[in-house]
ModelCIF file with pLDDT and N, C-alpha, C, O atoms, coordinates in Angstrom:
data_MODEL
#
_entry.id   MODEL 
#
_entity.id                         1 
_entity.type                       polymer 
_entity.pdbx_number_of_molecules   1 
#
_entity_poly.entity_id                      1 
_entity_poly.type                           'polypeptide(L)' 
_entity_poly.nstd_linkage                   no 
_entity_poly.nstd_monomer                   no 
_entity_poly.pdbx_seq_one_letter_code       DHHDDPHPFRESWLTLTSILPGLSWLTLLRLKA 
_entity_poly.pdbx_seq_one_letter_code_can   DHHDDPHPFRESWLTLTSILPGLSWLTLLRLKA 
_entity_poly.pdbx_strand_id                 A 
#
loop_
_entity_poly_seq.entity_id 
_entity_poly_seq.num 
_entity_poly_seq.mon_id 
_entity_poly_seq.hetero 
1 1  ASP n 
1 2  HIS n 
1 3  HIS n 
1 4  ASP n 
1 5  ASP n 
1 6  PRO n 
1 7  HIS n 
1 8  PRO n 
1 9  PHE n 
1 10 ARG n 
1 11 GLU n 
1 12 SER n 
1 13 TRP n 
1 14 LEU n 
1 15 THR n 
1 16 LEU n 
1 17 THR n 
1 18 SER n 
1 19 ILE n 
1 20 LEU n 
1 21 PRO n 
1 22 GLY n 
1 23 LEU n 
1 24 SER n 
1 25 TRP n 
1 26 LEU n 
1 27 THR n 
1 28 LEU n 
1 29 LEU n 
1 30 ARG n 
1 31 LEU n 
1 32 LYS n 
1 33 ALA n 
#
_struct_asym.id          A 
_struct_asym.entity_id   1 
#
loop_
_ma_qa_metric.id 
_ma_qa_metric.mode 
_ma_qa_metric.name 
_ma_qa_metric.software_group_id 
_ma_qa_metric.type 
1 global pLDDT . pLDDT 
2 local  pLDDT . pLDDT 
#
_ma_qa_metric_global.metric_id      1 
_ma_qa_metric_global.metric_value   79.73 
_ma_qa_metric_global.model_id       1 
_ma_qa_metric_global.ordinal_id     1 
#
loop_
_ma_qa_metric_local.label_asym_id 
_ma_qa_metric_local.label_comp_id 
_ma_qa_metric_local.label_seq_id 
_ma_qa_metric_local.metric_id 
_ma_qa_metric_local.metric_value 
_ma_qa_metric_local.model_id 
_ma_qa_metric_local.ordinal_id 
A ASP 1  2 57.00 1 1  
A HIS 2  2 57.00 1 2  
A HIS 3  2 58.00 1 3  
A ASP 4  2 64.00 1 4  
A ASP 5  2 66.00 1 5  
A PRO 6  2 72.00 1 6  
A HIS 7  2 78.00 1 7  
A PRO 8  2 78.00 1 8  
A PHE 9  2 84.00 1 9  
A ARG 10 2 84.00 1 10 
A GLU 11 2 80.00 1 11 
A SER 12 2 84.00 1 12 
A TRP 13 2 85.00 1 13 
A LEU 14 2 81.00 1 14 
A THR 15 2 81.00 1 15 
A LEU 16 2 83.00 1 16 
A THR 17 2 82.00 1 17 
A SER 18 2 81.00 1 18 
A ILE 19 2 80.00 1 19 
A LEU 20 2 80.00 1 20 
A PRO 21 2 78.00 1 21 
A GLY 22 2 79.00 1 22 
A LEU 23 2 83.00 1 23 
A SER 24 2 85.00 1 24 
A TRP 25 2 89.00 1 25 
A LEU 26 2 87.00 1 26 
A THR 27 2 86.00 1 27 
A LEU 28 2 89.00 1 28 
A LEU 29 2 89.00 1 29 
A ARG 30 2 87.00 1 30 
A LEU 31 2 86.00 1 31 
A LYS 32 2 89.00 1 32 
A ALA 33 2 89.00 1 33 
#
loop_
_atom_site.group_PDB 
_atom_site.id 
_atom_site.type_symbol 
_atom_site.label_atom_id 
_atom_site.label_alt_id 
_atom_site.label_comp_id 
_atom_site.label_asym_id 
_atom_site.label_entity_id 
_atom_site.label_seq_id 
_atom_site.pdbx_PDB_ins_code 
_atom_site.Cartn_x 
_atom_site.Cartn_y 
_atom_site.Cartn_z 
_atom_site.occupancy 
_atom_site.B_iso_or_equiv 
_atom_site.pdbx_formal_charge 
_atom_site.auth_seq_id 
_atom_site.auth_comp_id 
_atom_site.auth_asym_id 
_atom_site.auth_atom_id 
_atom_site.pdbx_PDB_model_num 
ATOM 1   N N  . ASP A 1 1  ? 27.554 25.632  5.310  1.00 57.00 ? 1  ASP A N  1 
ATOM 2   C CA . ASP A 1 1  ? 27.005 26.157  6.879  1.00 57.00 ? 1  ASP A CA 1 
ATOM 3   C C  . ASP A 1 1  ? 26.407 24.104  7.089  1.00 57.00 ? 1  ASP A C  1 
ATOM 4   O O  . ASP A 1 1  ? 25.972 23.429  6.156  1.00 57.00 ? 1  ASP A O  1 
ATOM 5   N N  . HIS A 1 2  ? 26.560 23.700  8.268  1.00 57.00 ? 2  HIS A N  1 
ATOM 6   C CA . HIS A 1 2  ? 26.987 22.799  8.971  1.00 57.00 ? 2  HIS A CA 1 
ATOM 7   C C  . HIS A 1 2  ? 26.168 22.476  10.410 1.00 57.00 ? 2  HIS A C  1 
ATOM 8   O O  . HIS A 1 2  ? 26.664 22.703  11.514 1.00 57.00 ? 2  HIS A O  1 
ATOM 9   N N  . HIS A 1 3  ? 25.036 21.996  10.234 1.00 58.00 ? 3  HIS A N  1 
ATOM 10  C CA . HIS A 1 3  ? 23.750 21.521  11.192 1.00 58.00 ? 3  HIS A CA 1 
ATOM 11  C C  . HIS A 1 3  ? 25.160 20.808  12.451 1.00 58.00 ? 3  HIS A C  1 
ATOM 12  O O  . HIS A 1 3  ? 26.303 20.839  11.997 1.00 58.00 ? 3  HIS A O  1 
ATOM 13  N N  . ASP A 1 4  ? 25.071 20.526  13.162 1.00 64.00 ? 4  ASP A N  1 
ATOM 14  C CA . ASP A 1 4  ? 25.718 19.552  14.261 1.00 64.00 ? 4  ASP A CA 1 
ATOM 15  C C  . ASP A 1 4  ? 24.335 18.501  13.824 1.00 64.00 ? 4  ASP A C  1 
ATOM 16  O O  . ASP A 1 4  ? 23.147 18.465  13.501 1.00 64.00 ? 4  ASP A O  1 
ATOM 17  N N  . ASP A 1 5  ? 25.656 17.667  14.130 1.00 66.00 ? 5  ASP A N  1 
ATOM 18  C CA . ASP A 1 5  ? 24.262 15.935  14.824 1.00 66.00 ? 5  ASP A CA 1 
ATOM 19  C C  . ASP A 1 5  ? 23.659 15.701  15.955 1.00 66.00 ? 5  ASP A C  1 
ATOM 20  O O  . ASP A 1 5  ? 24.437 15.165  16.745 1.00 66.00 ? 5  ASP A O  1 
ATOM 21  N N  . PRO A 1 6  ? 22.690 15.854  16.351 1.00 72.00 ? 6  PRO A N  1 
ATOM 22  C CA . PRO A 1 6  ? 22.003 15.355  18.270 1.00 72.00 ? 6  PRO A CA 1 
ATOM 23  C C  . PRO A 1 6  ? 22.944 15.005  18.377 1.00 72.00 ? 6  PRO A C  1 
ATOM 24  O O  . PRO A 1 6  ? 23.843 15.609  18.962 1.00 72.00 ? 6  PRO A O  1 
ATOM 25  N N  . HIS A 1 7  ? 23.070 13.538  17.661 1.00 78.00 ? 7  HIS A N  1 
ATOM 26  C CA . HIS A 1 7  ? 22.296 12.424  17.981 1.00 78.00 ? 7  HIS A CA 1 
ATOM 27  C C  . HIS A 1 7  ? 23.855 11.683  17.352 1.00 78.00 ? 7  HIS A C  1 
ATOM 28  O O  . HIS A 1 7  ? 23.841 10.523  16.940 1.00 78.00 ? 7  HIS A O  1 
ATOM 29  N N  . PRO A 1 8  ? 24.782 12.285  17.352 1.00 78.00 ? 8  PRO A N  1 
ATOM 30  C CA . PRO A 1 8  ? 26.085 11.002  16.166 1.00 78.00 ? 8  PRO A CA 1 
ATOM 31  C C  . PRO A 1 8  ? 26.492 9.819   16.217 1.00 78.00 ? 8  PRO A C  1 
ATOM 32  O O  . PRO A 1 8  ? 27.054 9.325   15.239 1.00 78.00 ? 8  PRO A O  1 
ATOM 33  N N  . PHE A 1 9  ? 26.209 8.825   17.855 1.00 84.00 ? 9  PHE A N  1 
ATOM 34  C CA . PHE A 1 9  ? 26.196 7.920   18.106 1.00 84.00 ? 9  PHE A CA 1 
ATOM 35  C C  . PHE A 1 9  ? 25.061 6.414   17.884 1.00 84.00 ? 9  PHE A C  1 
ATOM 36  O O  . PHE A 1 9  ? 24.760 5.275   17.527 1.00 84.00 ? 9  PHE A O  1 
ATOM 37  N N  . ARG A 1 10 ? 24.832 7.893   18.560 1.00 84.00 ? 10 ARG A N  1 
ATOM 38  C CA . ARG A 1 10 ? 22.945 7.418   17.631 1.00 84.00 ? 10 ARG A CA 1 
ATOM 39  C C  . ARG A 1 10 ? 22.973 5.547   16.560 1.00 84.00 ? 10 ARG A C  1 
ATOM 40  O O  . ARG A 1 10 ? 22.722 4.347   16.669 1.00 84.00 ? 10 ARG A O  1 
ATOM 41  N N  . GLU A 1 11 ? 23.680 7.028   15.245 1.00 80.00 ? 11 GLU A N  1 
ATOM 42  C CA . GLU A 1 11 ? 23.510 7.187   13.813 1.00 80.00 ? 11 GLU A CA 1 
ATOM 43  C C  . GLU A 1 11 ? 23.704 6.134   14.763 1.00 80.00 ? 11 GLU A C  1 
ATOM 44  O O  . GLU A 1 11 ? 23.073 5.682   15.718 1.00 80.00 ? 11 GLU A O  1 
ATOM 45  N N  . SER A 1 12 ? 24.559 5.944   14.306 1.00 84.00 ? 12 SER A N  1 
ATOM 46  C CA . SER A 1 12 ? 26.393 5.449   14.197 1.00 84.00 ? 12 SER A CA 1 
ATOM 47  C C  . SER A 1 12 ? 26.103 4.086   14.834 1.00 84.00 ? 12 SER A C  1 
ATOM 48  O O  . SER A 1 12 ? 26.558 3.305   13.999 1.00 84.00 ? 12 SER A O  1 
ATOM 49  N N  . TRP A 1 13 ? 25.724 3.535   15.596 1.00 85.00 ? 13 TRP A N  1 
ATOM 50  C CA . TRP A 1 13 ? 24.594 2.398   15.888 1.00 85.00 ? 13 TRP A CA 1 
ATOM 51  C C  . TRP A 1 13 ? 23.362 1.970   15.252 1.00 85.00 ? 13 TRP A C  1 
ATOM 52  O O  . TRP A 1 13 ? 22.920 0.823   15.179 1.00 85.00 ? 13 TRP A O  1 
ATOM 53  N N  . LEU A 1 14 ? 22.763 3.272   14.709 1.00 81.00 ? 14 LEU A N  1 
ATOM 54  C CA . LEU A 1 14 ? 22.239 2.286   14.108 1.00 81.00 ? 14 LEU A CA 1 
ATOM 55  C C  . LEU A 1 14 ? 22.501 2.492   12.829 1.00 81.00 ? 14 LEU A C  1 
ATOM 56  O O  . LEU A 1 14 ? 21.667 2.386   11.929 1.00 81.00 ? 14 LEU A O  1 
ATOM 57  N N  . THR A 1 15 ? 24.144 2.918   12.635 1.00 81.00 ? 15 THR A N  1 
ATOM 58  C CA . THR A 1 15 ? 24.058 1.668   10.894 1.00 81.00 ? 15 THR A CA 1 
ATOM 59  C C  . THR A 1 15 ? 25.105 0.540   10.743 1.00 81.00 ? 15 THR A C  1 
ATOM 60  O O  . THR A 1 15 ? 25.374 -0.182  9.783  1.00 81.00 ? 15 THR A O  1 
ATOM 61  N N  . LEU A 1 16 ? 25.875 0.655   12.642 1.00 83.00 ? 16 LEU A N  1 
ATOM 62  C CA . LEU A 1 16 ? 25.754 -0.803  12.723 1.00 83.00 ? 16 LEU A CA 1 
ATOM 63  C C  . LEU A 1 16 ? 24.848 -2.262  12.516 1.00 83.00 ? 16 LEU A C  1 
ATOM 64  O O  . LEU A 1 16 ? 25.057 -3.384  12.056 1.00 83.00 ? 16 LEU A O  1 
ATOM 65  N N  . THR A 1 17 ? 24.172 -1.816  12.896 1.00 82.00 ? 17 THR A N  1 
ATOM 66  C CA . THR A 1 17 ? 22.543 -2.728  13.561 1.00 82.00 ? 17 THR A CA 1 
ATOM 67  C C  . THR A 1 17 ? 22.731 -2.882  11.644 1.00 82.00 ? 17 THR A C  1 
ATOM 68  O O  . THR A 1 17 ? 23.623 -3.610  11.207 1.00 82.00 ? 17 THR A O  1 
ATOM 69  N N  . SER A 1 18 ? 21.941 -2.239  10.830 1.00 81.00 ? 18 SER A N  1 
ATOM 70  C CA . SER A 1 18 ? 21.940 -1.511  9.706  1.00 81.00 ? 18 SER A CA 1 
ATOM 71  C C  . SER A 1 18 ? 21.967 -3.076  8.697  1.00 81.00 ? 18 SER A C  1 
ATOM 72  O O  . SER A 1 18 ? 20.940 -3.660  8.352  1.00 81.00 ? 18 SER A O  1 
ATOM 73  N N  . ILE A 1 19 ? 23.479 -3.566  8.335  1.00 80.00 ? 19 ILE A N  1 
ATOM 74  C CA . ILE A 1 19 ? 24.584 -4.117  7.899  1.00 80.00 ? 19 ILE A CA 1 
ATOM 75  C C  . ILE A 1 19 ? 24.906 -5.287  8.456  1.00 80.00 ? 19 ILE A C  1 
ATOM 76  O O  . ILE A 1 19 ? 25.433 -6.190  7.806  1.00 80.00 ? 19 ILE A O  1 
ATOM 77  N N  . LEU A 1 20 ? 24.477 -5.417  10.325 1.00 80.00 ? 20 LEU A N  1 
ATOM 78  C CA . LEU A 1 20 ? 24.156 -6.956  10.276 1.00 80.00 ? 20 LEU A CA 1 
ATOM 79  C C  . LEU A 1 20 ? 23.600 -8.164  10.289 1.00 80.00 ? 20 LEU A C  1 
ATOM 80  O O  . LEU A 1 20 ? 22.592 -8.545  10.884 1.00 80.00 ? 20 LEU A O  1 
ATOM 81  N N  . PRO A 1 21 ? 24.304 -8.718  9.614  1.00 78.00 ? 21 PRO A N  1 
ATOM 82  C CA . PRO A 1 21 ? 23.329 -10.052 8.945  1.00 78.00 ? 21 PRO A CA 1 
ATOM 83  C C  . PRO A 1 21 ? 22.106 -10.566 10.348 1.00 78.00 ? 21 PRO A C  1 
ATOM 84  O O  . PRO A 1 21 ? 22.777 -11.108 11.227 1.00 78.00 ? 21 PRO A O  1 
ATOM 85  N N  . GLY A 1 22 ? 20.533 -10.528 10.753 1.00 79.00 ? 22 GLY A N  1 
ATOM 86  C CA . GLY A 1 22 ? 19.993 -10.219 11.201 1.00 79.00 ? 22 GLY A CA 1 
ATOM 87  C C  . GLY A 1 22 ? 19.185 -9.438  11.218 1.00 79.00 ? 22 GLY A C  1 
ATOM 88  O O  . GLY A 1 22 ? 18.104 -9.322  10.640 1.00 79.00 ? 22 GLY A O  1 
ATOM 89  N N  . LEU A 1 23 ? 20.165 -8.388  12.489 1.00 83.00 ? 23 LEU A N  1 
ATOM 90  C CA . LEU A 1 23 ? 19.526 -6.870  12.920 1.00 83.00 ? 23 LEU A CA 1 
ATOM 91  C C  . LEU A 1 23 ? 18.922 -5.933  12.227 1.00 83.00 ? 23 LEU A C  1 
ATOM 92  O O  . LEU A 1 23 ? 18.071 -5.059  12.395 1.00 83.00 ? 23 LEU A O  1 
ATOM 93  N N  . SER A 1 24 ? 20.261 -6.771  10.589 1.00 85.00 ? 24 SER A N  1 
ATOM 94  C CA . SER A 1 24 ? 19.420 -5.892  9.202  1.00 85.00 ? 24 SER A CA 1 
ATOM 95  C C  . SER A 1 24 ? 18.535 -5.861  8.856  1.00 85.00 ? 24 SER A C  1 
ATOM 96  O O  . SER A 1 24 ? 18.193 -4.874  8.204  1.00 85.00 ? 24 SER A O  1 
ATOM 97  N N  . TRP A 1 25 ? 17.420 -7.190  9.148  1.00 89.00 ? 25 TRP A N  1 
ATOM 98  C CA . TRP A 1 25 ? 15.874 -7.370  8.911  1.00 89.00 ? 25 TRP A CA 1 
ATOM 99  C C  . TRP A 1 25 ? 15.796 -6.491  10.100 1.00 89.00 ? 25 TRP A C  1 
ATOM 100 O O  . TRP A 1 25 ? 15.694 -5.301  9.800  1.00 89.00 ? 25 TRP A O  1 
ATOM 101 N N  . LEU A 1 26 ? 15.814 -6.725  11.238 1.00 87.00 ? 26 LEU A N  1 
ATOM 102 C CA . LEU A 1 26 ? 15.187 -6.081  12.246 1.00 87.00 ? 26 LEU A CA 1 
ATOM 103 C C  . LEU A 1 26 ? 15.036 -3.761  11.741 1.00 87.00 ? 26 LEU A C  1 
ATOM 104 O O  . LEU A 1 26 ? 14.460 -2.927  12.439 1.00 87.00 ? 26 LEU A O  1 
ATOM 105 N N  . THR A 1 27 ? 15.577 -3.572  10.768 1.00 86.00 ? 27 THR A N  1 
ATOM 106 C CA . THR A 1 27 ? 16.238 -2.498  10.628 1.00 86.00 ? 27 THR A CA 1 
ATOM 107 C C  . THR A 1 27 ? 15.527 -2.041  8.835  1.00 86.00 ? 27 THR A C  1 
ATOM 108 O O  . THR A 1 27 ? 15.702 -1.061  8.111  1.00 86.00 ? 27 THR A O  1 
ATOM 109 N N  . LEU A 1 28 ? 14.768 -3.219  8.698  1.00 89.00 ? 28 LEU A N  1 
ATOM 110 C CA . LEU A 1 28 ? 13.768 -2.539  7.227  1.00 89.00 ? 28 LEU A CA 1 
ATOM 111 C C  . LEU A 1 28 ? 12.992 -3.159  7.672  1.00 89.00 ? 28 LEU A C  1 
ATOM 112 O O  . LEU A 1 28 ? 12.831 -4.096  6.891  1.00 89.00 ? 28 LEU A O  1 
ATOM 113 N N  . LEU A 1 29 ? 12.078 -3.300  8.832  1.00 89.00 ? 29 LEU A N  1 
ATOM 114 C CA . LEU A 1 29 ? 11.379 -4.048  9.358  1.00 89.00 ? 29 LEU A CA 1 
ATOM 115 C C  . LEU A 1 29 ? 10.565 -2.100  10.077 1.00 89.00 ? 29 LEU A C  1 
ATOM 116 O O  . LEU A 1 29 ? 9.471  -1.540  10.011 1.00 89.00 ? 29 LEU A O  1 
ATOM 117 N N  . ARG A 1 30 ? 12.211 -1.712  10.793 1.00 87.00 ? 30 ARG A N  1 
ATOM 118 C CA . ARG A 1 30 ? 11.732 -1.122  10.989 1.00 87.00 ? 30 ARG A CA 1 
ATOM 119 C C  . ARG A 1 30 ? 11.817 0.460   10.395 1.00 87.00 ? 30 ARG A C  1 
ATOM 120 O O  . ARG A 1 30 ? 12.158 1.157   11.351 1.00 87.00 ? 30 ARG A O  1 
ATOM 121 N N  . LEU A 1 31 ? 11.673 1.141   9.418  1.00 86.00 ? 31 LEU A N  1 
ATOM 122 C CA . LEU A 1 31 ? 12.251 1.365   8.487  1.00 86.00 ? 31 LEU A CA 1 
ATOM 123 C C  . LEU A 1 31 ? 10.736 1.263   6.932  1.00 86.00 ? 31 LEU A C  1 
ATOM 124 O O  . LEU A 1 31 ? 10.483 1.852   5.881  1.00 86.00 ? 31 LEU A O  1 
ATOM 125 N N  . LYS A 1 32 ? 10.151 0.120   7.776  1.00 89.00 ? 32 LYS A N  1 
ATOM 126 C CA . LYS A 1 32 ? 8.708  0.120   6.367  1.00 89.00 ? 32 LYS A CA 1 
ATOM 127 C C  . LYS A 1 32 ? 9.725  -0.343  5.221  1.00 89.00 ? 32 LYS A C  1 
ATOM 128 O O  . LYS A 1 32 ? 9.238  -0.208  4.099  1.00 89.00 ? 32 LYS A O  1 
ATOM 129 N N  . ALA A 1 33 ? 10.775 -0.758  5.240  1.00 89.00 ? 33 ALA A N  1 
ATOM 130 C CA . ALA A 1 33 ? 11.221 -1.562  3.941  1.00 89.00 ? 33 ALA A CA 1 
ATOM 131 C C  . ALA A 1 33 ? 10.181 -2.017  2.768  1.00 89.00 ? 33 ALA A C  1 
ATOM 132 O O  . ALA A 1 33 ? 10.591 -2.638  1.787  1.00 89.00 ? 33 ALA A O  1 
#
């Protein structure tokens, strides 16, 4: 069974920002790395 993703574009944007230099550090901060 598959459950629909309620925020696919938000998750896609978070994926992009998590891999770009500089922005990836903000992701680490947000996720409490």
